[in-house]
Amino acid sequence: MSEKVAVLVNGQETIEYDRNKALSELQNQYLDKMDQEMDQGIELSGEYVKQPDQTQRAKYVANALLESIQTDNEPRIAATCSYLAERLPELKQIRADLKGDSFSIDLVFDRLHENQVRVDFDPAAGQHGFH
């Protein structure tokens, strides 16, 4: 199990969740309450799902996480990120791409996020001694 879960929005890391920090009893109860509420059914991609499976729950909570990031709702960010990290122990990254009013979310289980350095290269900008 990976200790960290990275949340990336448009390629930029916005949150890093550390599984090594134990949740309080109250926080664990809140995650259980989230499951109980989803047991009643959820709306996913405009369709009602009466008995959501783990994948459908993860998509639903990931959507709520992204909405919370967009509105800067820190308590909800913490709850939804904790839910995904704790309920999906193999999860390594949550990648969201925002384009106007639309977005896509990918849950990544097969590779850790590594800090990357972006280098913009414009060959037309000039010659710098490399011939």
C-alpha atoms as a PDB file:
ATOM      1  CA  MET A   1       0.000   0.000   0.000  1.00  0.00           C
ATOM      2  CA  SER A   2       1.307   3.424  -0.928  1.00  0.00           C
ATOM      3  CA  GLU A   3       1.557   5.838   1.985  1.00  0.00           C
ATOM      4  CA  LYS A   4       0.712   8.919  -0.079  1.00  0.00           C
ATOM      5  CA  VAL A   5      -2.079   9.857  -2.435  1.00  0.00           C
ATOM      6  CA  ALA A   6      -1.493  12.833  -4.711  1.00  0.00           C
ATOM      7  CA  VAL A   7      -4.370  14.949  -5.998  1.00  0.00           C
ATOM      8  CA  LEU A   8      -3.507  16.703  -9.252  1.00  0.00           C
ATOM      9  CA  VAL A   9      -5.656  19.284 -10.993  1.00  0.00           C
ATOM     10  CA  ASN A  10      -4.613  20.155 -14.543  1.00  0.00           C
ATOM     11  CA  GLY A  11      -1.253  18.497 -13.908  1.00  0.00           C
ATOM     12  CA  GLN A  12      -0.493  20.501 -10.756  1.00  0.00           C
ATOM     13  CA  GLU A  13      -0.350  18.749  -7.389  1.00  0.00           C
ATOM     14  CA  THR A  14      -2.886  20.447  -5.133  1.00  0.00           C
ATOM     15  CA  ILE A  15      -3.123  17.991  -2.233  1.00  0.00           C
ATOM     16  CA  GLU A  16      -0.986  15.201  -0.854  1.00  0.00           C
ATOM     17  CA  TYR A  17      -2.760  12.852   1.539  1.00  0.00           C
ATOM     18  CA  ASP A  18      -0.534  10.940   3.959  1.00  0.00           C
ATOM     19  CA  ARG A  19      -1.972   7.600   5.032  1.00  0.00           C
ATOM     20  CA  ASN A  20       0.600   7.421   7.864  1.00  0.00           C
ATOM     21  CA  LYS A  21      -1.408  10.013   9.797  1.00  0.00           C
ATOM     22  CA  ALA A  22      -4.088   8.043  11.591  1.00  0.00           C
ATOM     23  CA  LEU A  23      -7.644   9.302  11.438  1.00  0.00           C
ATOM     24  CA  SER A  24      -9.440  10.084  14.690  1.00  0.00           C
ATOM     25  CA  GLU A  25     -12.420   8.011  15.784  1.00  0.00           C
ATOM     26  CA  LEU A  26     -14.691  10.897  14.806  1.00  0.00           C
ATOM     27  CA  GLN A  27     -13.160  11.059  11.321  1.00  0.00           C
ATOM     28  CA  ASN A  28     -13.583   7.300  10.856  1.00  0.00           C
ATOM     29  CA  GLN A  29     -17.210   7.594  11.959  1.00  0.00           C
ATOM     30  CA  TYR A  30     -17.731  10.325   9.365  1.00  0.00           C
ATOM     31  CA  LEU A  31     -16.358   8.061   6.599  1.00  0.00           C
ATOM     32  CA  ASP A  32     -18.751   5.331   7.765  1.00  0.00           C
ATOM     33  CA  LYS A  33     -21.586   7.887   7.646  1.00  0.00           C
ATOM     34  CA  MET A  34     -20.634   8.721   4.046  1.00  0.00           C
ATOM     35  CA  ASP A  35     -20.940   5.003   3.199  1.00  0.00           C
ATOM     36  CA  GLN A  36     -24.310   4.787   4.942  1.00  0.00           C
ATOM     37  CA  GLU A  37     -25.601   7.747   2.955  1.00  0.00           C
ATOM     38  CA  MET A  38     -24.381   6.202  -0.309  1.00  0.00           C
ATOM     39  CA  ASP A  39     -26.088   2.939   0.702  1.00  0.00           C
ATOM     40  CA  GLN A  40     -29.331   4.852   0.051  1.00  0.00           C
ATOM     41  CA  GLY A  41     -28.297   5.382  -3.585  1.00  0.00           C
ATOM     42  CA  ILE A  42     -26.367   8.035  -5.490  1.00  0.00           C
ATOM     43  CA  GLU A  43     -26.687  10.039  -8.672  1.00  0.00           C
ATOM     44  CA  LEU A  44     -23.770   9.412 -10.991  1.00  0.00           C
ATOM     45  CA  SER A  45     -23.442  10.990 -14.441  1.00  0.00           C
ATOM     46  CA  GLY A  46     -27.112  11.949 -14.369  1.00  0.00           C
ATOM     47  CA  GLU A  47     -28.316   8.435 -13.511  1.00  0.00           C
ATOM     48  CA  TYR A  48     -29.592   7.131 -10.184  1.00  0.00           C
ATOM     49  CA  VAL A  49     -27.638   4.129  -8.868  1.00  0.00           C
ATOM     50  CA  LYS A  50     -29.643   2.299  -6.190  1.00  0.00           C
ATOM     51  CA  GLN A  51     -26.831   0.071  -4.893  1.00  0.00           C
ATOM     52  CA  PRO A  52     -23.481   1.627  -5.839  1.00  0.00           C
ATOM     53  CA  ASP A  53     -20.425  -0.623  -5.888  1.00  0.00           C
ATOM     54  CA  GLN A  54     -16.980   0.472  -4.720  1.00  0.00           C
ATOM     55  CA  THR A  55     -16.012   1.886  -8.129  1.00  0.00           C
ATOM     56  CA  GLN A  56     -19.228   3.912  -8.403  1.00  0.00           C
ATOM     57  CA  ARG A  57     -18.771   5.219  -4.860  1.00  0.00           C
ATOM     58  CA  ALA A  58     -15.185   6.213  -5.674  1.00  0.00           C
ATOM     59  CA  LYS A  59     -16.316   8.126  -8.781  1.00  0.00           C
ATOM     60  CA  TYR A  60     -19.063   9.857  -6.815  1.00  0.00           C
ATOM     61  CA  VAL A  61     -16.683  10.901  -4.019  1.00  0.00           C
ATOM     62  CA  ALA A  62     -13.993  11.953  -6.523  1.00  0.00           C
ATOM     63  CA  ASN A  63     -16.557  14.244  -8.188  1.00  0.00           C
ATOM     64  CA  ALA A  64     -17.377  15.715  -4.767  1.00  0.00           C
ATOM     65  CA  LEU A  65     -13.645  16.185  -4.103  1.00  0.00           C
ATOM     66  CA  LEU A  66     -13.187  18.134  -7.316  1.00  0.00           C
ATOM     67  CA  GLU A  67     -16.234  20.300  -6.613  1.00  0.00           C
ATOM     68  CA  SER A  68     -14.834  20.968  -3.134  1.00  0.00           C
ATOM     69  CA  ILE A  69     -11.441  21.983  -4.537  1.00  0.00           C
ATOM     70  CA  GLN A  70     -13.144  24.361  -6.965  1.00  0.00           C
ATOM     71  CA  THR A  71     -15.113  26.018  -4.139  1.00  0.00           C
ATOM     72  CA  ASP A  72     -12.203  25.833  -1.656  1.00  0.00           C
ATOM     73  CA  ASN A  73     -14.335  23.893   0.855  1.00  0.00           C
ATOM     74  CA  GLU A  74     -11.526  22.595   3.077  1.00  0.00           C
ATOM     75  CA  PRO A  75     -13.595  20.384   5.436  1.00  0.00           C
ATOM     76  CA  ARG A  76     -15.218  18.644   2.452  1.00  0.00           C
ATOM     77  CA  ILE A  77     -11.841  18.352   0.675  1.00  0.00           C
ATOM     78  CA  ALA A  78     -10.431  16.630   3.763  1.00  0.00           C
ATOM     79  CA  ALA A  79     -13.394  14.261   4.074  1.00  0.00           C
ATOM     80  CA  THR A  80     -13.577  13.249   0.415  1.00  0.00           C
ATOM     81  CA  CYS A  81      -9.805  12.866   0.046  1.00  0.00           C
ATOM     82  CA  SER A  82      -9.671  10.799   3.250  1.00  0.00           C
ATOM     83  CA  TYR A  83     -12.517   8.613   2.016  1.00  0.00           C
ATOM     84  CA  LEU A  84     -10.768   7.816  -1.263  1.00  0.00           C
ATOM     85  CA  ALA A  85      -7.381   7.192   0.358  1.00  0.00           C
ATOM     86  CA  GLU A  86      -8.767   5.017   3.143  1.00  0.00           C
ATOM     87  CA  ARG A  87     -11.340   3.047   1.152  1.00  0.00           C
ATOM     88  CA  LEU A  88      -9.035   2.450  -1.829  1.00  0.00           C
ATOM     89  CA  PRO A  89      -5.731   1.359  -0.254  1.00  0.00           C
ATOM     90  CA  GLU A  90      -4.022   0.847  -3.629  1.00  0.00           C
ATOM     91  CA  LEU A  91      -4.914   4.341  -4.889  1.00  0.00           C
ATOM     92  CA  LYS A  92      -1.852   6.433  -5.712  1.00  0.00           C
ATOM     93  CA  GLN A  93      -3.185   9.452  -7.617  1.00  0.00           C
ATOM     94  CA  ILE A  94      -6.373  11.332  -8.319  1.00  0.00           C
ATOM     95  CA  ARG A  95      -5.941  13.239 -11.577  1.00  0.00           C
ATOM     96  CA  ALA A  96      -8.509  15.835 -12.588  1.00  0.00           C
ATOM     97  CA  ASP A  97      -8.525  17.867 -15.772  1.00  0.00           C
ATOM     98  CA  LEU A  98     -10.735  20.941 -15.920  1.00  0.00           C
ATOM     99  CA  LYS A  99     -11.731  22.485 -19.237  1.00  0.00           C
ATOM    100  CA  GLY A 100     -14.283  25.253 -18.849  1.00  0.00           C
ATOM    101  CA  ASP A 101     -17.422  23.740 -17.360  1.00  0.00           C
ATOM    102  CA  SER A 102     -16.396  20.149 -18.071  1.00  0.00           C
ATOM    103  CA  PHE A 103     -13.915  17.927 -16.284  1.00  0.00           C
ATOM    104  CA  SER A 104     -12.540  14.419 -16.209  1.00  0.00           C
ATOM    105  CA  ILE A 105     -11.214  12.474 -13.247  1.00  0.00           C
ATOM    106  CA  ASP A 106      -8.879   9.490 -13.320  1.00  0.00           C
ATOM    107  CA  LEU A 107      -8.105   7.326 -10.313  1.00  0.00           C
ATOM    108  CA  VAL A 108      -4.560   5.996 -10.762  1.00  0.00           C
ATOM    109  CA  PHE A 109      -3.595   2.764  -9.029  1.00  0.00           C
ATOM    110  CA  ASP A 110      -0.429   1.790 -10.899  1.00  0.00           C
ATOM    111  CA  ARG A 111       2.038   4.644 -10.459  1.00  0.00           C
ATOM    112  CA  LEU A 112       3.079   7.112  -7.812  1.00  0.00           C
ATOM    113  CA  HIS A 113       3.182  10.806  -8.517  1.00  0.00           C
ATOM    114  CA  GLU A 114       6.708  12.101  -8.674  1.00  0.00           C
ATOM    115  CA  ASN A 115       7.532  15.760  -8.558  1.00  0.00           C
ATOM    116  CA  GLN A 116       8.194  16.874 -12.076  1.00  0.00           C
ATOM    117  CA  VAL A 117       9.926  19.931 -13.430  1.00  0.00           C
ATOM    118  CA  ARG A 118       8.316  21.461 -16.471  1.00  0.00           C
ATOM    119  CA  VAL A 119      10.664  22.901 -19.049  1.00  0.00           C
ATOM    120  CA  ASP A 120       9.216  24.914 -21.904  1.00  0.00           C
ATOM    121  CA  PHE A 121      11.287  24.537 -25.037  1.00  0.00           C
ATOM    122  CA  ASP A 122      10.940  26.890 -27.964  1.00  0.00           C
ATOM    123  CA  PRO A 123      13.499  26.086 -30.666  1.00  0.00           C
ATOM    124  CA  ALA A 124      12.625  29.329 -32.462  1.00  0.00           C
ATOM    125  CA  ALA A 125      13.665  31.417 -29.443  1.00  0.00           C
ATOM    126  CA  GLY A 126      17.286  31.445 -30.470  1.00  0.00           C
ATOM    127  CA  GLN A 127      20.510  29.559 -30.758  1.00  0.00           C
ATOM    128  CA  HIS A 128      22.431  29.028 -27.521  1.00  0.00           C
ATOM    129  CA  GLY A 129      25.698  27.483 -28.620  1.00  0.00           C
ATOM    130  CA  PHE A 130      24.391  24.021 -29.483  1.00  0.00           C
ATOM    131  CA  HIS A 131      25.217  23.254 -33.098  1.00  0.00           C
END
